[in-house]
Each structure stands twice: as C-alpha cells, then as structure tokens.
Amino acid sequence: MILCFREKAFNGGRIEIVNEHEEPVGVIGLLSVFRTSMAVFGRDGDGPLFGGKFRMLSHKWAVTDATGEECGMLKCQWLSLFERYEYDRCGVGGFKIKASLFSRKYEIRNDKGELVVSFQKVNRWLESPAFRLTVHRRWIIDGYEWVAVVMGINEIQKRMDRTG
C-alpha cells in the first residue's frame, strides 16, 4: 500500500490522500488553525478513522482511533547522527522510526527489527512538506494510522524548530 499526501501552506482545511495511481483514497482534516489536532478519513469520508494531537504542554503526539480513544503515543529522541522517534501502539508494542541526520527517508521497524513502513519527504525546497508512505507489512496497524503518525512527526519537527 502506497499513500501520498502533503501539508497545506495555511494550516486549516482538508488534504487529499492519494494512492500510487493518484486516485483519491482518503482525506486529512486539519482541525485547528494552530495545528494542534488532525483527523484521517478513509475513502468514504465518513467519521474519522484515526486522529492525532499534541499532549498538553509536551512534544508527544497522541494518536487516537475512530472512537477518539488514544491508541498510540509518538515521541522524539534526538541523537547526534540520527533523527529518531518511537511509536508505542497500545496492545501491539513499540516501533522505532529512524532517519539519518538531514535525510528525507525514514524507516519504521517493529520490535523484531522488521521493516514495517517507510516514508520520505518528496517536496522540493520552499514547498509545503509532502510525503510518500509505503506500507511493507500489512499487519495490525492500518496505513491510515501511519498517516497520523507521519503527520505527528512533521508537527513535532515544526514545534521543535519554533522552540529552538
């Protein structure tokens, strides 16, 4: 499964999610002008499948399921040569998300070290961030949930850039 999406330059509104054939397969709803929350909708556009928001006064990104219950937590761990995140999925386990410093390619691996998802930033310089996400292992976690995680990584990066 390949999903492509981009961030909007101005924070509110909806973002289309397309597959590798550029067919619409979902929508990201940016629920706040200040970008503190978002929701991911499937092809039919009915209620949200997943959502994401910052925890109060922190750099942790909470991922929620269709009922609004928290189903995972994303947090950043900066190391000198790597940009690294951890996604802890309730009832499933932890995932390591890693990219070399200044890289635009990320890998998400499960606790066994198996590649589950990869994504890359595909935008050009001075363009709004755009992503191409590839689900390598169809597993318990849906591709749309990974969209919420990737958007969380983007929001954490932006928040850390603003705060120094």
Foldseek 3Di string as FASTA:
>chain_A
DKWKWFADPQHADKIFIAGPVRHTFWIKGQPDSVRQKIFIGTRVRPQGQKMWGDDPPDLKIFMAGRVRHTFWIKDWDDDDFKTWIWIQGPPPGIWIWIDTVPAQKIFIAGPVRDTAKIKGFDDDPPDTTMMMIDGPDPDPDDPRSVVNVVVSVVVSVVVVVVVD
